Amino acid sequence: MLRIYCPVCGLRDETEFTYGEDATVRRPDISETDPKVWHEYVFIRENPRGRHKEYWHHVAGCRQWIVVERDTLTHEMFGSFLAREVTV
């Protein structure tokens, strides 16, 4: 089981969270009309190995979205922060 650090609630079991998505992929602008752009955004993804950033939703806690940096091979956690603190 993973233990995820929520910046609001502290260290919690992964069962309190749901995985969101890759936090390094940027969603196309809502006005984008090219189906190829949306197809690539939804379906064409890398499967990273190693250190990676992910969105997680703390559904059984504070209900905040957080960004977690973890190693996808070892599940070692390197840190987390509130998703609303992400600057584009």
PDB file of N, CA and C in Angstrom:
ATOM      1  N   MET A   1       0.835  -1.174   0.000  1.00  0.00           N
ATOM      2  CA  MET A   1       0.000   0.000   0.000  1.00  0.00           C
ATOM      3  C   MET A   1       0.882   1.239   0.000  1.00  0.00           C
ATOM      4  N   LEU A   2       0.479   2.219  -0.768  1.00  0.00           N
ATOM      5  CA  LEU A   2       1.187   3.503  -0.778  1.00  0.00           C
ATOM      6  C   LEU A   2       0.726   4.347   0.399  1.00  0.00           C
ATOM      7  N   ARG A   3       1.621   5.146   0.903  1.00  0.00           N
ATOM      8  CA  ARG A   3       1.283   6.167   1.902  1.00  0.00           C
ATOM      9  C   ARG A   3       1.549   7.499   1.223  1.00  0.00           C
ATOM     10  N   ILE A   4       0.507   8.306   1.088  1.00  0.00           N
ATOM     11  CA  ILE A   4       0.593   9.573   0.366  1.00  0.00           C
ATOM     12  C   ILE A   4       0.479  10.709   1.366  1.00  0.00           C
ATOM     13  N   TYR A   5       1.382  11.683   1.239  1.00  0.00           N
ATOM     14  CA  TYR A   5       1.339  12.850   2.122  1.00  0.00           C
ATOM     15  C   TYR A   5       0.428  13.908   1.517  1.00  0.00           C
ATOM     16  N   CYS A   6      -0.650  14.208   2.220  1.00  0.00           N
ATOM     17  CA  CYS A   6      -1.556  15.284   1.822  1.00  0.00           C
ATOM     18  C   CYS A   6      -1.099  16.553   2.542  1.00  0.00           C
ATOM     19  N   PRO A   7      -0.868  17.655   1.823  1.00  0.00           N
ATOM     20  CA  PRO A   7      -0.423  18.891   2.477  1.00  0.00           C
ATOM     21  C   PRO A   7      -1.431  19.441   3.480  1.00  0.00           C
ATOM     22  N   VAL A   8      -2.700  19.037   3.376  1.00  0.00           N
ATOM     23  CA  VAL A   8      -3.740  19.507   4.291  1.00  0.00           C
ATOM     24  C   VAL A   8      -3.910  18.551   5.473  1.00  0.00           C
ATOM     25  N   CYS A   9      -3.969  17.253   5.201  1.00  0.00           N
ATOM     26  CA  CYS A   9      -4.324  16.250   6.213  1.00  0.00           C
ATOM     27  C   CYS A   9      -3.159  15.450   6.770  1.00  0.00           C
ATOM     28  N   GLY A  10      -2.009  15.507   6.110  1.00  0.00           N
ATOM     29  CA  GLY A  10      -0.867  14.722   6.565  1.00  0.00           C
ATOM     30  C   GLY A  10      -0.777  13.384   5.842  1.00  0.00           C
ATOM     31  N   LEU A  11      -0.003  12.457   6.395  1.00  0.00           N
ATOM     32  CA  LEU A  11       0.245  11.164   5.774  1.00  0.00           C
ATOM     33  C   LEU A  11      -0.999  10.280   5.862  1.00  0.00           C
ATOM     34  N   ARG A  12      -1.419   9.739   4.715  1.00  0.00           N
ATOM     35  CA  ARG A  12      -2.637   8.925   4.633  1.00  0.00           C
ATOM     36  C   ARG A  12      -2.416   7.711   3.736  1.00  0.00           C
ATOM     37  N   ASP A  13      -3.271   6.686   3.902  1.00  0.00           N
ATOM     38  CA  ASP A  13      -3.246   5.506   3.036  1.00  0.00           C
ATOM     39  C   ASP A  13      -3.759   5.870   1.656  1.00  0.00           C
ATOM     40  N   GLU A  14      -3.257   5.182   0.638  1.00  0.00           N
ATOM     41  CA  GLU A  14      -3.684   5.449  -0.732  1.00  0.00           C
ATOM     42  C   GLU A  14      -5.174   5.187  -0.942  1.00  0.00           C
ATOM     43  N   THR A  15      -5.790   4.379  -0.080  1.00  0.00           N
ATOM     44  CA  THR A  15      -7.214   4.076  -0.227  1.00  0.00           C
ATOM     45  C   THR A  15      -8.092   5.311  -0.056  1.00  0.00           C
ATOM     46  N   GLU A  16      -7.548   6.376   0.522  1.00  0.00           N
ATOM     47  CA  GLU A  16      -8.288   7.620   0.670  1.00  0.00           C
ATOM     48  C   GLU A  16      -8.249   8.470  -0.599  1.00  0.00           C
ATOM     49  N   PHE A  17      -7.453   8.060  -1.578  1.00  0.00           N
ATOM     50  CA  PHE A  17      -7.229   8.859  -2.780  1.00  0.00           C
ATOM     51  C   PHE A  17      -7.699   8.118  -4.027  1.00  0.00           C
ATOM     52  N   THR A  18      -7.939   8.882  -5.085  1.00  0.00           N
ATOM     53  CA  THR A  18      -8.090   8.300  -6.415  1.00  0.00           C
ATOM     54  C   THR A  18      -7.051   8.954  -7.306  1.00  0.00           C
ATOM     55  N   TYR A  19      -6.509   8.134  -8.202  1.00  0.00           N
ATOM     56  CA  TYR A  19      -5.513   8.633  -9.148  1.00  0.00           C
ATOM     57  C   TYR A  19      -6.211   9.510 -10.170  1.00  0.00           C
ATOM     58  N   GLY A  20      -5.601  10.634 -10.496  1.00  0.00           N
ATOM     59  CA  GLY A  20      -6.169  11.540 -11.488  1.00  0.00           C
ATOM     60  C   GLY A  20      -5.567  11.322 -12.860  1.00  0.00           C
ATOM     61  N   GLU A  21      -4.343  11.764 -13.027  1.00  0.00           N
ATOM     62  CA  GLU A  21      -3.661  11.606 -14.308  1.00  0.00           C
ATOM     63  C   GLU A  21      -2.223  12.076 -14.176  1.00  0.00           C
ATOM     64  N   ASP A  22      -1.512  11.966 -15.265  1.00  0.00           N
ATOM     65  CA  ASP A  22      -0.149  12.447 -15.394  1.00  0.00           C
ATOM     66  C   ASP A  22      -0.162  13.970 -15.215  1.00  0.00           C
ATOM     67  N   ALA A  23       0.601  14.473 -14.265  1.00  0.00           N
ATOM     68  CA  ALA A  23       0.615  15.914 -13.984  1.00  0.00           C
ATOM     69  C   ALA A  23       1.543  16.690 -14.909  1.00  0.00           C
ATOM     70  N   THR A  24       2.216  15.985 -15.827  1.00  0.00           N
ATOM     71  CA  THR A  24       3.111  16.687 -16.748  1.00  0.00           C
ATOM     72  C   THR A  24       2.464  16.929 -18.112  1.00  0.00           C
ATOM     73  N   VAL A  25       1.304  16.329 -18.362  1.00  0.00           N
ATOM     74  CA  VAL A  25       0.604  16.505 -19.634  1.00  0.00           C
ATOM     75  C   VAL A  25      -0.338  17.697 -19.507  1.00  0.00           C
ATOM     76  N   ARG A  26      -0.296  18.588 -20.477  1.00  0.00           N
ATOM     77  CA  ARG A  26      -1.151  19.778 -20.454  1.00  0.00           C
ATOM     78  C   ARG A  26      -2.359  19.592 -21.360  1.00  0.00           C
ATOM     79  N   ARG A  27      -3.517  19.877 -20.814  1.00  0.00           N
ATOM     80  CA  ARG A  27      -4.773  19.760 -21.548  1.00  0.00           C
ATOM     81  C   ARG A  27      -4.817  20.817 -22.647  1.00  0.00           C
ATOM     82  N   PRO A  28      -5.319  20.447 -23.836  1.00  0.00           N
ATOM     83  CA  PRO A  28      -5.476  21.449 -24.896  1.00  0.00           C
ATOM     84  C   PRO A  28      -6.486  22.526 -24.485  1.00  0.00           C
ATOM     85  N   ASP A  29      -6.376  23.672 -25.087  1.00  0.00           N
ATOM     86  CA  ASP A  29      -7.334  24.741 -24.829  1.00  0.00           C
ATOM     87  C   ASP A  29      -8.739  24.255 -25.172  1.00  0.00           C
ATOM     88  N   ILE A  30      -9.724  24.660 -24.379  1.00  0.00           N
ATOM     89  CA  ILE A  30     -11.101  24.213 -24.571  1.00  0.00           C
ATOM     90  C   ILE A  30     -11.644  24.588 -25.950  1.00  0.00           C
ATOM     91  N   SER A  31     -11.082  25.603 -26.559  1.00  0.00           N
ATOM     92  CA  SER A  31     -11.551  26.031 -27.886  1.00  0.00           C
ATOM     93  C   SER A  31     -10.911  25.226 -29.021  1.00  0.00           C
ATOM     94  N   GLU A  32     -10.012  24.317 -28.683  1.00  0.00           N
ATOM     95  CA  GLU A  32      -9.347  23.490 -29.697  1.00  0.00           C
ATOM     96  C   GLU A  32     -10.374  22.589 -30.383  1.00  0.00           C
ATOM     97  N   THR A  33     -10.412  22.618 -31.715  1.00  0.00           N
ATOM     98  CA  THR A  33     -11.399  21.834 -32.463  1.00  0.00           C
ATOM     99  C   THR A  33     -10.785  20.701 -33.280  1.00  0.00           C
ATOM    100  N   ASP A  34      -9.491  20.596 -33.294  1.00  0.00           N
ATOM    101  CA  ASP A  34      -8.835  19.548 -34.073  1.00  0.00           C
ATOM    102  C   ASP A  34      -8.949  18.215 -33.326  1.00  0.00           C
ATOM    103  N   PRO A  35      -9.665  17.235 -33.892  1.00  0.00           N
ATOM    104  CA  PRO A  35      -9.829  15.949 -33.210  1.00  0.00           C
ATOM    105  C   PRO A  35      -8.502  15.240 -32.950  1.00  0.00           C
ATOM    106  N   LYS A  36      -7.520  15.447 -33.815  1.00  0.00           N
ATOM    107  CA  LYS A  36      -6.217  14.803 -33.628  1.00  0.00           C
ATOM    108  C   LYS A  36      -5.554  15.280 -32.339  1.00  0.00           C
ATOM    109  N   VAL A  37      -5.670  16.561 -32.035  1.00  0.00           N
ATOM    110  CA  VAL A  37      -5.086  17.116 -30.808  1.00  0.00           C
ATOM    111  C   VAL A  37      -5.722  16.455 -29.590  1.00  0.00           C
ATOM    112  N   TRP A  38      -7.054  16.319 -29.595  1.00  0.00           N
ATOM    113  CA  TRP A  38      -7.756  15.709 -28.466  1.00  0.00           C
ATOM    114  C   TRP A  38      -7.471  14.212 -28.382  1.00  0.00           C
ATOM    115  N   HIS A  39      -7.385  13.554 -29.519  1.00  0.00           N
ATOM    116  CA  HIS A  39      -7.054  12.128 -29.540  1.00  0.00           C
ATOM    117  C   HIS A  39      -5.685  11.900 -28.893  1.00  0.00           C
ATOM    118  N   GLU A  40      -4.714  12.701 -29.267  1.00  0.00           N
ATOM    119  CA  GLU A  40      -3.372  12.559 -28.693  1.00  0.00           C
ATOM    120  C   GLU A  40      -3.373  12.854 -27.197  1.00  0.00           C
ATOM    121  N   TYR A  41      -4.133  13.853 -26.773  1.00  0.00           N
ATOM    122  CA  TYR A  41      -4.198  14.197 -25.354  1.00  0.00           C
ATOM    123  C   TYR A  41      -4.805  13.042 -24.536  1.00  0.00           C
ATOM    124  N   VAL A  42      -5.885  12.444 -25.038  1.00  0.00           N
ATOM    125  CA  VAL A  42      -6.592  11.416 -24.288  1.00  0.00           C
ATOM    126  C   VAL A  42      -5.914  10.052 -24.365  1.00  0.00           C
ATOM    127  N   PHE A  43      -5.459   9.656 -25.556  1.00  0.00           N
ATOM    128  CA  PHE A  43      -5.034   8.279 -25.752  1.00  0.00           C
ATOM    129  C   PHE A  43      -3.529   8.050 -25.922  1.00  0.00           C
ATOM    130  N   ILE A  44      -2.795   9.025 -26.397  1.00  0.00           N
ATOM    131  CA  ILE A  44      -1.381   8.818 -26.703  1.00  0.00           C
ATOM    132  C   ILE A  44      -0.558   9.327 -25.522  1.00  0.00           C
ATOM    133  N   ARG A  45      -0.152   8.402 -24.661  1.00  0.00           N
ATOM    134  CA  ARG A  45       0.580   8.756 -23.446  1.00  0.00           C
ATOM    135  C   ARG A  45       1.819   7.899 -23.294  1.00  0.00           C
ATOM    136  N   GLU A  46       2.809   8.454 -22.676  1.00  0.00           N
ATOM    137  CA  GLU A  46       3.997   7.702 -22.281  1.00  0.00           C
ATOM    138  C   GLU A  46       3.655   6.916 -21.013  1.00  0.00           C
ATOM    139  N   ASN A  47       4.370   5.854 -20.783  1.00  0.00           N
ATOM    140  CA  ASN A  47       4.255   5.101 -19.539  1.00  0.00           C
ATOM    141  C   ASN A  47       5.600   5.251 -18.828  1.00  0.00           C
ATOM    142  N   PRO A  48       5.755   6.351 -18.080  1.00  0.00           N
ATOM    143  CA  PRO A  48       7.071   6.685 -17.535  1.00  0.00           C
ATOM    144  C   PRO A  48       7.569   5.676 -16.507  1.00  0.00           C
ATOM    145  N   ARG A  49       8.865   5.490 -16.505  1.00  0.00           N
ATOM    146  CA  ARG A  49       9.539   4.685 -15.495  1.00  0.00           C
ATOM    147  C   ARG A  49      10.433   5.618 -14.697  1.00  0.00           C
ATOM    148  N   GLY A  50      10.332   5.526 -13.390  1.00  0.00           N
ATOM    149  CA  GLY A  50      11.163   6.371 -12.547  1.00  0.00           C
ATOM    150  C   GLY A  50      10.382   7.528 -11.948  1.00  0.00           C
ATOM    151  N   ARG A  51      11.091   8.585 -11.639  1.00  0.00           N
ATOM    152  CA  ARG A  51      10.516   9.748 -10.959  1.00  0.00           C
ATOM    153  C   ARG A  51       9.505  10.442 -11.869  1.00  0.00           C
ATOM    154  N   HIS A  52       8.326  10.713 -11.303  1.00  0.00           N
ATOM    155  CA  HIS A  52       7.225  11.220 -12.116  1.00  0.00           C
ATOM    156  C   HIS A  52       6.230  11.996 -11.248  1.00  0.00           C
ATOM    157  N   LYS A  53       5.542  12.977 -11.843  1.00  0.00           N
ATOM    158  CA  LYS A  53       4.517  13.750 -11.131  1.00  0.00           C
ATOM    159  C   LYS A  53       3.125  13.296 -11.571  1.00  0.00           C
ATOM    160  N   GLU A  54       2.228  13.128 -10.578  1.00  0.00           N
ATOM    161  CA  GLU A  54       0.873  12.651 -10.836  1.00  0.00           C
ATOM    162  C   GLU A  54      -0.137  13.470 -10.045  1.00  0.00           C
ATOM    163  N   TYR A  55      -1.344  13.601 -10.594  1.00  0.00           N
ATOM    164  CA  TYR A  55      -2.459  14.202  -9.855  1.00  0.00           C
ATOM    165  C   TYR A  55      -3.164  13.109  -9.061  1.00  0.00           C
ATOM    166  N   TRP A  56      -3.458  13.384  -7.795  1.00  0.00           N
ATOM    167  CA  TRP A  56      -4.245  12.498  -6.943  1.00  0.00           C
ATOM    168  C   TRP A  56      -5.326  13.343  -6.268  1.00  0.00           C
ATOM    169  N   HIS A  57      -6.516  12.774  -6.105  1.00  0.00           N
ATOM    170  CA  HIS A  57      -7.642  13.456  -5.470  1.00  0.00           C
ATOM    171  C   HIS A  57      -7.884  12.827  -4.099  1.00  0.00           C
ATOM    172  N   HIS A  58      -7.878  13.625  -3.064  1.00  0.00           N
ATOM    173  CA  HIS A  58      -8.082  13.119  -1.698  1.00  0.00           C
ATOM    174  C   HIS A  58      -9.580  13.039  -1.407  1.00  0.00           C
ATOM    175  N   VAL A  59     -10.218  12.030  -1.960  1.00  0.00           N
ATOM    176  CA  VAL A  59     -11.676  11.905  -1.900  1.00  0.00           C
ATOM    177  C   VAL A  59     -12.201  11.564  -0.514  1.00  0.00           C
ATOM    178  N   ALA A  60     -11.439  10.850   0.294  1.00  0.00           N
ATOM    179  CA  ALA A  60     -11.913  10.460   1.619  1.00  0.00           C
ATOM    180  C   ALA A  60     -11.337  11.359   2.710  1.00  0.00           C
ATOM    181  N   GLY A  61     -10.876  12.516   2.310  1.00  0.00           N
ATOM    182  CA  GLY A  61     -10.295  13.459   3.269  1.00  0.00           C
ATOM    183  C   GLY A  61     -10.759  14.866   2.957  1.00  0.00           C
ATOM    184  N   CYS A  62      -9.824  15.728   2.667  1.00  0.00           N
ATOM    185  CA  CYS A  62     -10.097  17.151   2.445  1.00  0.00           C
ATOM    186  C   CYS A  62     -10.662  17.456   1.063  1.00  0.00           C
ATOM    187  N   ARG A  63     -10.688  16.450   0.167  1.00  0.00           N
ATOM    188  CA  ARG A  63     -11.209  16.571  -1.193  1.00  0.00           C
ATOM    189  C   ARG A  63     -10.368  17.488  -2.085  1.00  0.00           C
ATOM    190  N   GLN A  64      -9.143  17.742  -1.689  1.00  0.00           N
ATOM    191  CA  GLN A  64      -8.241  18.566  -2.487  1.00  0.00           C
ATOM    192  C   GLN A  64      -7.530  17.718  -3.537  1.00  0.00           C
ATOM    193  N   TRP A  65      -7.212  18.340  -4.661  1.00  0.00           N
ATOM    194  CA  TRP A  65      -6.343  17.719  -5.663  1.00  0.00           C
ATOM    195  C   TRP A  65      -4.917  18.055  -5.288  1.00  0.00           C
ATOM    196  N   ILE A  66      -4.049  17.046  -5.323  1.00  0.00           N
ATOM    197  CA  ILE A  66      -2.641  17.273  -5.017  1.00  0.00           C
ATOM    198  C   ILE A  66      -1.778  16.712  -6.148  1.00  0.00           C
ATOM    199  N   VAL A  67      -0.572  17.231  -6.231  1.00  0.00           N
ATOM    200  CA  VAL A  67       0.424  16.693  -7.153  1.00  0.00           C
ATOM    201  C   VAL A  67       1.430  15.928  -6.296  1.00  0.00           C
ATOM    202  N   VAL A  68       1.620  14.660  -6.637  1.00  0.00           N
ATOM    203  CA  VAL A  68       2.545  13.793  -5.912  1.00  0.00           C
ATOM    204  C   VAL A  68       3.700  13.450  -6.843  1.00  0.00           C
ATOM    205  N   GLU A  69       4.911  13.592  -6.356  1.00  0.00           N
ATOM    206  CA  GLU A  69       6.064  13.154  -7.121  1.00  0.00           C
ATOM    207  C   GLU A  69       6.539  11.841  -6.516  1.00  0.00           C
ATOM    208  N   ARG A  70       6.536  10.781  -7.347  1.00  0.00           N
ATOM    209  CA  ARG A  70       6.935   9.467  -6.861  1.00  0.00           C
ATOM    210  C   ARG A  70       7.688   8.709  -7.946  1.00  0.00           C
ATOM    211  N   ASP A  71       8.405   7.702  -7.521  1.00  0.00           N
ATOM    212  CA  ASP A  71       9.107   6.824  -8.447  1.00  0.00           C
ATOM    213  C   ASP A  71       8.147   5.704  -8.826  1.00  0.00           C
ATOM    214  N   THR A  72       7.846   5.570 -10.112  1.00  0.00           N
ATOM    215  CA  THR A  72       6.875   4.580 -10.557  1.00  0.00           C
ATOM    216  C   THR A  72       7.413   3.156 -10.499  1.00  0.00           C
ATOM    217  N   LEU A  73       8.700   2.992 -10.301  1.00  0.00           N
ATOM    218  CA  LEU A  73       9.278   1.650 -10.166  1.00  0.00           C
ATOM    219  C   LEU A  73       9.323   1.196  -8.711  1.00  0.00           C
ATOM    220  N   THR A  74       9.741   2.089  -7.822  1.00  0.00           N
ATOM    221  CA  THR A  74       9.917   1.718  -6.414  1.00  0.00           C
ATOM    222  C   THR A  74       8.778   2.229  -5.523  1.00  0.00           C
ATOM    223  N   HIS A  75       7.960   3.126  -6.028  1.00  0.00           N
ATOM    224  CA  HIS A  75       6.874   3.791  -5.288  1.00  0.00           C
ATOM    225  C   HIS A  75       7.390   4.712  -4.186  1.00  0.00           C
ATOM    226  N   GLU A  76       8.682   5.038  -4.218  1.00  0.00           N
ATOM    227  CA  GLU A  76       9.225   6.003  -3.256  1.00  0.00           C
ATOM    228  C   GLU A  76       8.591   7.361  -3.516  1.00  0.00           C
ATOM    229  N   MET A  77       8.158   8.019  -2.442  1.00  0.00           N
ATOM    230  CA  MET A  77       7.538   9.344  -2.543  1.00  0.00           C
ATOM    231  C   MET A  77       8.588  10.422  -2.299  1.00  0.00           C
ATOM    232  N   PHE A  78       8.548  11.465  -3.129  1.00  0.00           N
ATOM    233  CA  PHE A  78       9.515  12.552  -3.005  1.00  0.00           C
ATOM    234  C   PHE A  78       8.887  13.843  -2.512  1.00  0.00           C
ATOM    235  N   GLY A  79       7.572  13.902  -2.491  1.00  0.00           N
ATOM    236  CA  GLY A  79       6.901  15.103  -2.017  1.00  0.00           C
ATOM    237  C   GLY A  79       5.559  15.295  -2.687  1.00  0.00           C
ATOM    238  N   SER A  80       4.810  16.235  -2.160  1.00  0.00           N
ATOM    239  CA  SER A  80       3.502  16.557  -2.726  1.00  0.00           C
ATOM    240  C   SER A  80       3.155  17.999  -2.386  1.00  0.00           C
ATOM    241  N   PHE A  81       2.265  18.559  -3.199  1.00  0.00           N
ATOM    242  CA  PHE A  81       1.784  19.916  -2.953  1.00  0.00           C
ATOM    243  C   PHE A  81       0.388  20.048  -3.544  1.00  0.00           C
ATOM    244  N   LEU A  82      -0.344  21.051  -3.139  1.00  0.00           N
ATOM    245  CA  LEU A  82      -1.690  21.268  -3.649  1.00  0.00           C
ATOM    246  C   LEU A  82      -1.639  21.597  -5.127  1.00  0.00           C
ATOM    247  N   ALA A  83      -2.521  20.998  -5.893  1.00  0.00           N
ATOM    248  CA  ALA A  83      -2.537  21.196  -7.345  1.00  0.00           C
ATOM    249  C   ALA A  83      -2.809  22.662  -7.707  1.00  0.00           C
ATOM    250  N   ARG A  84      -3.555  23.356  -6.886  1.00  0.00           N
ATOM    251  CA  ARG A  84      -3.849  24.766  -7.189  1.00  0.00           C
ATOM    252  C   ARG A  84      -2.601  25.646  -7.119  1.00  0.00           C
ATOM    253  N   GLU A  85      -1.515  25.113  -6.576  1.00  0.00           N
ATOM    254  CA  GLU A  85      -0.249  25.851  -6.520  1.00  0.00           C
ATOM    255  C   GLU A  85       0.584  25.685  -7.770  1.00  0.00           C
ATOM    256  N   VAL A  86       0.106  24.873  -8.719  1.00  0.00           N
ATOM    257  CA  VAL A  86       0.820  24.658  -9.988  1.00  0.00           C
ATOM    258  C   VAL A  86       0.738  25.928 -10.813  1.00  0.00           C
ATOM    259  N   THR A  87       1.891  26.363 -11.314  1.00  0.00           N
ATOM    260  CA  THR A  87       1.906  27.515 -12.219  1.00  0.00           C
ATOM    261  C   THR A  87       2.257  27.020 -13.600  1.00  0.00           C
ATOM    262  N   VAL A  88       1.528  27.504 -14.571  1.00  0.00           N
ATOM    263  CA  VAL A  88       1.756  27.057 -15.955  1.00  0.00           C
ATOM    264  C   VAL A  88       2.717  27.975 -16.651  1.00  0.00           C
TER     265      VAL A  88
END
